[in-house]
């Protein structure tokens, strides 16, 4: 080997050794080694500059939102939940305001990923739903949505009878009359809870799509209390109609007062809490206008009631025509016109002897005044031995003339 060849070989060995020392010491070649460069870049969590996977680590998943109602939704049920749920992030701020500028309060979950409105909304209103969410890298996103609730034309109301706090007799059914037809009857029934201090359990009976009543199998227990809890706000009645109220109604039941009017014996007898309270002579409907049979529930009372023969289709010249007259101590039994009242002067000789009324129960002054002063709404008279048909179920409170198995079906 020549001197030049020996010099070249020695130089290569020296350079190779130097390179190995550099690699071992972490020099430039070590910095460019595959996979070793990650520590030289800031994490995305720190810089929030990257949005797609790459050499930077870790990669932040995008925030996913689930907001209800949907943006632009219309005819939203005011009782429907207003909520926001975030995945891969947290909720920074939420604002729900109505068209009048009033804020709707809400609550944030402990982990900051969920929010829900605290109370129901108003009908026929527009709402703005704004919120700010942040992802794991702290990047914030602002969103604003709007929606409107059920319009006034789709609000459904109801009237309840007896009224809250009212005292009634043992035969008084509970009645709810709706402003709109109810198609989803099961949903409405489930939203109404009825309880009694006597422990009696009853059932509903629909007389029409707009009216339902509730009673127990037997008369309410004397001196008990019945409570109706109607949670109908937001209940879908069907056909787009939504209930707009909740209501708690307490009804007090009085003594058990039951009368029996006997069209054959021409008597009217009353018991109070199953003990005899009095018997009076009576005259009832004649063969042309027989008194309705069955149970009739007392409705309202008038010290003096004006009556007209024309109201039952009678005209001058008809043998039964009596024109117009006033009667004393009148207690209504049916909307169609059956009363208990003091008989007219011309009918007094027939009391206790024969029937000659137009369907009413006529009593003498003493009997009529006693009934007027001592019996009240929800008390009941059972009419027996008459040629009349059962009182129409929807003519007053004819509920007790419906067999229980049929009523509760």
Protein backbone atom coordinates (compact mmCIF):
# COMPACT_ATOMS: atom_id res chain seq x y z
CA UNK A 1 0.00 0.00 0.00
CA UNK A 2 1.36 3.38 -0.93
CA UNK A 3 1.64 6.25 1.44
CA UNK A 4 -1.35 8.05 -0.22
CA UNK A 5 -3.59 4.98 0.13
CA UNK A 6 -2.66 4.64 3.81
CA UNK A 7 -3.57 8.34 4.36
CA UNK A 8 -6.99 7.99 2.63
CA UNK A 9 -7.95 4.89 4.56
CA UNK A 10 -7.02 6.51 7.87
CA UNK A 11 -9.09 9.65 7.08
CA UNK A 12 -12.25 7.59 6.37
CA UNK A 13 -11.84 5.73 9.62
CA UNK A 14 -11.46 8.99 11.51
CA UNK A 15 -14.55 10.52 9.93
CA UNK A 16 -16.64 7.41 10.61
CA UNK A 17 -15.59 7.46 14.20
CA UNK A 18 -16.50 11.13 14.52
CA UNK A 19 -19.94 10.51 13.05
CA UNK A 20 -20.56 7.71 15.52
CA UNK A 21 -19.59 10.05 18.36
CA UNK A 22 -22.02 12.69 17.05
CA UNK A 23 -24.87 10.19 16.83
CA UNK A 24 -24.18 8.96 20.31
CA UNK A 25 -24.11 12.53 21.59
CA UNK A 26 -27.50 13.51 20.05
CA UNK A 27 -26.23 15.76 17.27
CA UNK A 28 -27.94 16.78 14.06
CA UNK A 29 -28.28 13.31 12.66
CA UNK A 30 -29.98 12.13 15.84
CA UNK A 31 -32.54 15.03 15.57
CA UNK A 32 -33.58 13.85 12.14
CA UNK A 33 -34.09 10.25 13.12
CA UNK A 34 -37.56 8.97 12.17
CA UNK A 35 -40.14 9.34 14.98
CA UNK A 36 -37.84 11.29 17.23
CA UNK A 37 -39.03 14.75 16.11
CA UNK A 38 -42.40 14.85 17.99
CA UNK A 39 -41.00 16.50 21.07
CA UNK A 40 -39.73 19.39 19.01
CA UNK A 41 -43.34 20.59 18.18
CA UNK A 42 -45.88 22.03 20.62
CA UNK A 43 -48.85 19.78 21.50
CA UNK A 44 -52.14 20.68 19.79
CA UNK A 45 -53.68 20.89 23.23
CA UNK A 46 -51.31 23.71 23.94
CA UNK A 47 -51.28 25.59 20.68
CA UNK A 48 -54.71 24.72 19.27
CA UNK A 49 -53.32 25.22 15.78
CA UNK A 50 -53.99 21.84 14.21
CA UNK A 51 -57.42 20.52 13.29
CA UNK A 52 -56.48 17.35 11.43
CA UNK A 53 -54.30 14.37 12.35
CA UNK A 54 -50.62 14.79 11.61
CA UNK A 55 -47.30 14.67 13.35
CA UNK A 56 -48.60 16.81 16.22
CA UNK A 57 -50.12 14.92 19.15
CA UNK A 58 -52.66 14.62 20.69
CA UNK A 59 -55.42 15.30 18.10
CA UNK A 60 -58.60 16.93 19.62
CA UNK A 61 -61.90 15.33 18.61
CA UNK A 62 -64.54 17.74 17.30
CA UNK A 63 -67.40 18.79 19.61
CA UNK A 64 -70.69 17.03 18.95
CA UNK A 65 -73.95 18.78 19.87
CA UNK A 66 -77.41 17.44 20.57
CA UNK A 67 -79.80 20.38 21.05
CA UNK A 68 -83.57 20.22 21.45
CA UNK A 69 -85.78 21.68 20.01
CA UNK A 70 -84.28 21.70 16.56
CA UNK A 71 -83.34 25.00 14.98
CA UNK A 72 -86.38 26.60 13.34
CA UNK A 73 -88.86 24.16 14.93
CA UNK A 74 -92.48 25.30 15.02
CA UNK A 75 -95.48 24.32 17.15
CA UNK A 76 -93.14 23.09 19.88
CA UNK A 77 -94.97 21.73 22.91
CA UNK A 78 -94.33 24.19 25.79
CA UNK A 79 -93.87 21.23 28.11
CA UNK A 80 -91.25 19.57 25.89
CA UNK A 81 -87.74 19.56 27.36
CA UNK A 82 -85.33 22.25 26.17
CA UNK A 83 -81.88 20.75 26.51
CA UNK A 84 -78.31 20.73 25.24
CA UNK A 85 -75.91 17.79 25.39
CA UNK A 86 -72.23 18.05 24.41
CA UNK A 87 -69.80 15.25 23.57
CA UNK A 88 -66.03 15.89 23.34
CA UNK A 89 -66.34 19.25 25.04
CA UNK A 90 -68.05 21.35 27.71
CA UNK A 91 -70.75 24.01 27.85
CA UNK A 92 -69.47 27.49 28.63
CA UNK A 93 -72.71 29.48 28.57
CA UNK A 94 -76.40 29.05 27.71
CA UNK A 95 -79.10 31.71 27.27
CA UNK A 96 -82.75 30.91 26.52
CA UNK A 97 -84.98 33.96 26.08
CA UNK A 98 -88.56 34.48 24.97
CA UNK A 99 -89.84 36.98 22.48
CA UNK A 100 -90.60 39.35 25.38
CA UNK A 101 -86.94 39.23 26.45
CA UNK A 102 -87.63 37.23 29.59
CA UNK A 103 -84.93 34.68 30.40
CA UNK A 104 -85.75 31.04 31.08
CA UNK A 105 -83.69 29.62 33.92
CA UNK A 106 -81.86 26.33 33.52
CA UNK A 107 -79.31 24.07 35.18
CA UNK A 108 -75.91 22.79 34.09
CA UNK A 109 -74.81 19.25 34.82
CA UNK A 110 -71.93 18.72 37.25
CA UNK A 111 -69.56 17.67 34.47
CA UNK A 112 -70.49 20.65 32.30
CA UNK A 113 -71.71 18.55 29.38
CA UNK A 114 -75.47 18.99 29.74
CA UNK A 115 -77.96 21.83 30.26
CA UNK A 116 -81.75 21.76 30.61
CA UNK A 117 -84.41 24.42 31.10
CA UNK A 118 -85.87 24.49 34.58
CA UNK A 119 -89.52 25.11 33.72
CA UNK A 120 -92.18 25.01 31.02
CA UNK A 121 -92.40 27.57 28.25
CA UNK A 122 -95.27 29.79 27.21
CA UNK A 123 -97.73 29.11 24.43
CA UNK A 124 -97.66 31.11 21.20
CA UNK A 125 -94.14 32.43 21.82
CA UNK A 126 -90.83 32.61 19.97
CA UNK A 127 -87.60 31.65 21.72
CA UNK A 128 -83.93 32.28 21.04
CA UNK A 129 -81.55 29.58 22.23
CA UNK A 130 -77.90 30.70 22.35
CA UNK A 131 -74.97 28.73 23.73
CA UNK A 132 -71.16 28.63 23.77
CA UNK A 133 -69.30 25.32 23.86
CA UNK A 134 -65.57 24.57 24.05
CA UNK A 135 -63.60 21.55 22.87
CA UNK A 136 -60.77 19.88 24.78
CA UNK A 137 -58.28 22.36 23.33
CA UNK A 138 -60.28 25.30 24.67
CA UNK A 139 -61.57 26.43 21.27
CA UNK A 140 -65.02 28.00 21.62
CA UNK A 141 -67.98 27.86 19.26
CA UNK A 142 -71.01 30.19 19.45
CA UNK A 143 -74.41 28.98 18.23
CA UNK A 144 -77.84 30.60 18.10
CA UNK A 145 -81.09 28.81 17.29
CA UNK A 146 -84.74 29.82 17.27
CA UNK A 147 -88.04 28.01 17.64
CA UNK A 148 -91.72 28.79 18.31
CA UNK A 149 -94.20 27.11 20.62
CA UNK A 150 -97.76 25.90 20.05
CA UNK A 151 -100.03 28.67 18.77
CA UNK A 152 -103.07 29.94 20.64
CA UNK A 153 -105.38 28.14 18.21
CA UNK A 154 -103.97 24.83 19.47
CA UNK A 155 -104.29 25.51 23.18
CA UNK A 156 -106.81 23.28 24.95
CA UNK A 157 -108.47 24.35 28.19
CA UNK A 158 -111.07 22.72 30.45
CA UNK A 159 -113.69 23.56 33.08
CA UNK A 160 -113.93 21.41 36.20
CA UNK A 161 -117.03 20.79 38.32
CA UNK A 162 -117.46 20.80 41.28
CA UNK A 163 -115.36 23.88 41.84
CA UNK A 164 -112.34 23.81 44.10
CA UNK A 165 -113.36 23.91 47.76
CA UNK A 166 -117.03 23.20 47.02
CA UNK A 167 -119.11 21.03 49.37
CA UNK A 168 -121.49 18.60 47.63
CA UNK A 169 -123.57 15.53 48.27
CA UNK A 170 -122.46 11.89 48.07
CA UNK A 171 -123.84 11.36 44.55
CA UNK A 172 -121.93 14.16 42.82
CA UNK A 173 -119.72 12.91 39.94
CA UNK A 174 -116.59 14.85 39.03
CA UNK A 175 -116.96 16.44 35.60
CA UNK A 176 -114.36 17.88 33.21
CA UNK A 177 -115.53 19.73 30.10
CA UNK A 178 -112.80 20.35 27.53
CA UNK A 179 -112.61 23.30 25.16
CA UNK A 180 -111.46 20.98 22.34
CA UNK A 181 -112.35 17.37 21.43
CA UNK A 182 -110.09 14.83 23.10
CA UNK A 183 -108.85 12.05 20.85
CA UNK A 184 -106.02 10.76 23.07
CA UNK A 185 -108.34 9.83 25.93
CA UNK A 186 -105.90 7.41 27.56
CA UNK A 187 -103.25 10.12 27.78
CA UNK A 188 -105.71 12.54 29.37
CA UNK A 189 -106.93 9.96 31.89
CA UNK A 190 -103.35 9.13 32.91
CA UNK A 191 -102.72 12.82 33.56
CA UNK A 192 -105.62 13.03 36.05
CA UNK A 193 -105.21 11.48 39.49
CA UNK A 194 -108.25 11.19 41.77
CA UNK A 195 -107.95 10.25 45.42
CA UNK A 196 -110.35 10.10 48.33
CA UNK A 197 -109.84 10.12 52.08
CA UNK A 198 -112.25 7.19 52.18
CA UNK A 199 -109.94 5.17 49.94
CA UNK A 200 -112.61 4.78 47.27
CA UNK A 201 -111.38 4.07 43.76
CA UNK A 202 -113.42 5.13 40.75
CA UNK A 203 -113.22 5.33 36.99
CA UNK A 204 -113.79 7.66 34.07
CA UNK A 205 -116.74 7.59 31.68
CA UNK A 206 -116.69 9.66 28.49
CA UNK A 207 -120.07 11.10 27.57
CA UNK A 208 -118.59 12.81 24.51
CA UNK A 209 -115.17 13.71 23.11
CA UNK A 210 -115.38 16.94 25.08
CA UNK A 211 -116.76 15.76 28.42
CA UNK A 212 -115.70 13.08 30.89
CA UNK A 213 -116.92 12.26 34.38
CA UNK A 214 -115.46 10.28 37.24
CA UNK A 215 -117.23 8.47 40.07
CA UNK A 216 -116.70 5.55 42.42
CA UNK A 217 -118.69 2.33 42.14
CA UNK A 218 -120.90 3.47 45.04
CA UNK A 219 -121.77 6.89 46.42
CA UNK A 220 -118.88 8.80 47.97
CA UNK A 221 -118.46 8.17 51.67
CA UNK A 222 -120.20 10.79 53.80
CA UNK A 223 -117.97 13.58 55.08
CA UNK A 224 -114.95 12.47 53.05
CA UNK A 225 -112.73 14.58 50.82
CA UNK A 226 -112.04 13.92 47.13
CA UNK A 227 -109.04 15.45 45.37
CA UNK A 228 -108.46 15.80 41.63
CA UNK A 229 -104.91 16.48 40.50
CA UNK A 230 -105.01 17.48 36.84
CA UNK A 231 -101.54 17.61 35.23
CA UNK A 232 -102.72 18.47 31.72
CA UNK A 233 -100.13 21.08 30.76
CA UNK A 234 -98.43 19.81 27.63
CA UNK A 235 -100.63 16.74 27.25
CA UNK A 236 -101.42 16.03 23.60
CA UNK A 237 -105.21 15.83 23.27
CA UNK A 238 -104.90 14.81 19.64
CA UNK A 239 -105.33 16.70 16.38
CA UNK A 240 -102.56 19.10 17.44
CA UNK A 241 -104.40 20.31 20.55
CA UNK A 242 -102.23 20.67 23.66
CA UNK A 243 -103.42 21.05 27.24
CA UNK A 244 -102.52 24.43 28.73
CA UNK A 245 -103.06 24.01 32.48
CA UNK A 246 -102.46 22.08 35.66
CA UNK A 247 -105.01 22.27 38.44
CA UNK A 248 -105.61 20.81 41.90
CA UNK A 249 -109.27 20.58 42.90
CA UNK A 250 -110.46 19.59 46.37
CA UNK A 251 -114.11 18.63 46.86
CA UNK A 252 -115.70 18.13 50.26
CA UNK A 253 -118.47 15.54 50.60
CA UNK A 254 -121.25 16.26 53.06
CA UNK A 255 -123.73 14.01 54.85
CA UNK A 256 -125.36 11.18 52.96
CA UNK A 257 -128.78 12.54 51.97
CA UNK A 258 -130.88 10.22 49.84
CA UNK A 259 -134.52 10.71 48.91
CA UNK A 260 -136.98 8.22 47.39
CA UNK A 261 -139.90 9.53 45.35
CA UNK A 262 -142.58 6.86 44.90
CA UNK A 263 -145.00 7.57 42.04
CA UNK A 264 -147.43 4.87 43.22
CA UNK A 265 -147.43 5.64 46.94
CA UNK A 266 -147.32 9.39 46.14
CA UNK A 267 -144.67 9.97 48.80
CA UNK A 268 -141.30 11.64 49.08
CA UNK A 269 -139.07 10.20 51.82
CA UNK A 270 -135.60 11.35 52.91
CA UNK A 271 -132.88 9.68 54.94
CA UNK A 272 -129.77 11.40 56.32
CA UNK A 273 -126.78 9.15 56.96
CA UNK A 274 -129.14 6.18 56.55
CA UNK A 275 -131.56 7.41 59.22
CA UNK A 276 -135.13 8.53 58.36
CA UNK A 277 -135.43 12.32 58.24
CA UNK A 278 -138.98 12.81 56.99
CA UNK A 279 -141.75 11.72 54.62
CA UNK A 280 -144.11 14.05 52.77
CA UNK A 281 -147.02 13.55 50.36
CA UNK A 282 -146.17 14.18 46.70
CA UNK A 283 -147.61 14.40 43.22
CA UNK A 284 -145.50 13.40 40.22
CA UNK A 285 -145.72 13.23 36.43
CA UNK A 286 -149.00 12.05 34.94
CA UNK A 287 -149.34 9.39 32.24
CA UNK A 288 -148.58 11.88 29.47
CA UNK A 289 -145.54 13.34 31.23
CA UNK A 290 -144.32 10.61 33.61
CA UNK A 291 -141.42 11.45 35.87
CA UNK A 292 -138.09 9.95 34.82
CA UNK A 293 -137.13 6.85 36.77
CA UNK A 294 -133.83 6.06 38.41
CA UNK A 295 -131.37 8.28 40.21
CA UNK A 296 -131.46 12.04 39.71
CA UNK A 297 -128.79 14.22 41.30
CA UNK A 298 -129.65 17.61 42.77
CA UNK A 299 -128.17 20.45 40.72
CA UNK A 300 -129.12 24.02 41.67
CA UNK A 301 -131.79 25.72 43.75
CA UNK A 302 -134.07 28.73 43.20
CA UNK A 303 -136.26 30.32 45.86
CA UNK A 304 -138.65 31.23 43.03
CA UNK A 305 -138.43 29.67 39.56
CA UNK A 306 -140.31 30.89 36.50
CA UNK A 307 -141.77 28.11 34.36
CA UNK A 308 -143.24 28.20 30.85
CA UNK A 309 -145.37 25.56 29.15
CA UNK A 310 -143.77 26.52 25.83
CA UNK A 311 -140.41 25.20 27.11
CA UNK A 312 -141.76 21.64 26.86
CA UNK A 313 -143.53 22.17 23.54
CA UNK A 314 -147.02 22.94 24.82
CA UNK A 315 -149.18 25.49 23.04
CA UNK A 316 -152.42 27.26 23.92
CA UNK A 317 -155.36 24.91 23.35
CA UNK A 318 -153.48 21.84 24.56
CA UNK A 319 -155.26 20.37 27.63
CA UNK A 320 -151.90 20.28 29.45
CA UNK A 321 -151.06 23.90 28.63
CA UNK A 322 -150.51 25.97 31.79
CA UNK A 323 -149.07 29.15 30.32
CA UNK A 324 -146.42 30.71 32.55
CA UNK A 325 -146.15 30.59 36.30
CA UNK A 326 -143.77 30.94 39.24
CA UNK A 327 -143.14 28.14 41.72
CA UNK A 328 -141.56 28.27 45.17
CA UNK A 329 -138.64 26.31 46.63
CA UNK A 330 -137.47 24.82 43.35
CA UNK A 331 -134.54 22.39 43.18
CA UNK A 332 -133.39 21.41 39.68
CA UNK A 333 -132.87 17.73 38.87
CA UNK A 334 -132.25 17.92 35.11
CA UNK A 335 -131.32 20.65 32.62
CA UNK A 336 -134.37 19.64 30.59
CA UNK A 337 -136.67 20.94 33.32
CA UNK A 338 -137.44 18.39 36.05
CA UNK A 339 -137.61 19.97 39.51
CA UNK A 340 -138.67 19.31 43.03
CA UNK A 341 -140.82 22.27 44.01
CA UNK A 342 -143.81 23.43 45.94
CA UNK A 343 -146.92 22.40 44.06
CA UNK A 344 -149.13 25.11 42.62
CA UNK A 345 -152.32 26.05 44.44
CA UNK A 346 -154.42 24.17 41.86
CA UNK A 347 -152.39 21.00 42.45
CA UNK A 348 -152.55 21.03 46.24
CA UNK A 349 -155.70 18.81 46.47
CA UNK A 350 -153.91 16.07 44.50
CA UNK A 351 -150.76 15.84 46.63
CA UNK A 352 -150.52 12.36 48.10
CA UNK A 353 -153.48 11.26 46.00
CA UNK A 354 -152.63 11.23 42.27
CA UNK A 355 -150.05 12.31 39.73
CA UNK A 356 -150.80 15.33 37.57
CA UNK A 357 -147.52 17.21 37.08
CA UNK A 358 -145.53 17.59 33.88
CA UNK A 359 -142.75 15.42 35.25
CA UNK A 360 -141.74 17.42 38.31
CA UNK A 361 -142.07 16.24 41.91
CA UNK A 362 -144.61 18.50 43.61
CA UNK A 363 -144.63 18.78 47.40
CA UNK A 364 -146.61 20.77 49.91
CA UNK A 365 -145.15 23.94 51.43
CA UNK A 366 -143.54 22.14 54.38
CA UNK A 367 -141.92 19.39 52.33
CA UNK A 368 -140.71 21.70 49.55
CA UNK A 369 -139.18 24.14 52.02
CA UNK A 370 -137.46 21.34 54.00
CA UNK A 371 -135.86 19.96 50.82
CA UNK A 372 -134.83 23.44 49.71
CA UNK A 373 -133.19 24.26 53.04
CA UNK A 374 -131.64 20.89 53.89
CA UNK A 375 -130.66 19.23 50.62
CA UNK A 376 -128.05 20.49 48.22
CA UNK A 377 -126.02 19.95 45.06
CA UNK A 378 -124.90 16.35 44.81
CA UNK A 379 -127.65 14.91 46.97
CA UNK A 380 -129.81 12.36 45.19
CA UNK A 381 -133.41 11.26 44.71
CA UNK A 382 -134.35 7.81 43.46
CA UNK A 383 -137.60 7.87 41.52
CA UNK A 384 -139.47 4.55 41.65
CA UNK A 385 -142.77 3.10 40.38
CA UNK A 386 -143.07 5.60 37.55
CA UNK A 387 -143.98 4.86 33.96
CA UNK A 388 -141.19 7.10 32.74
CA UNK A 389 -137.95 5.96 31.14
CA UNK A 390 -134.63 6.16 32.93
CA UNK A 391 -133.32 9.70 33.08
CA UNK A 392 -131.04 10.36 30.12
CA UNK A 393 -127.44 9.81 31.11
CA UNK A 394 -126.42 13.22 29.83
CA UNK A 395 -129.50 15.08 31.11
CA UNK A 396 -128.00 16.19 34.38
CA UNK A 397 -125.91 13.70 36.32
CA UNK A 398 -127.48 10.42 35.27
CA UNK A 399 -124.25 8.52 35.95
CA UNK A 400 -125.81 6.33 38.63
CA UNK A 401 -128.25 4.86 36.12
CA UNK A 402 -125.34 3.30 34.20
CA UNK A 403 -124.29 -0.14 35.52
CA UNK A 404 -120.80 0.00 37.01
CA UNK A 405 -119.37 -2.58 34.62
CA UNK A 406 -120.55 -0.46 31.71
CA UNK A 407 -119.55 2.84 33.31
CA UNK A 408 -115.98 1.79 34.00
CA UNK A 409 -115.48 0.12 30.61
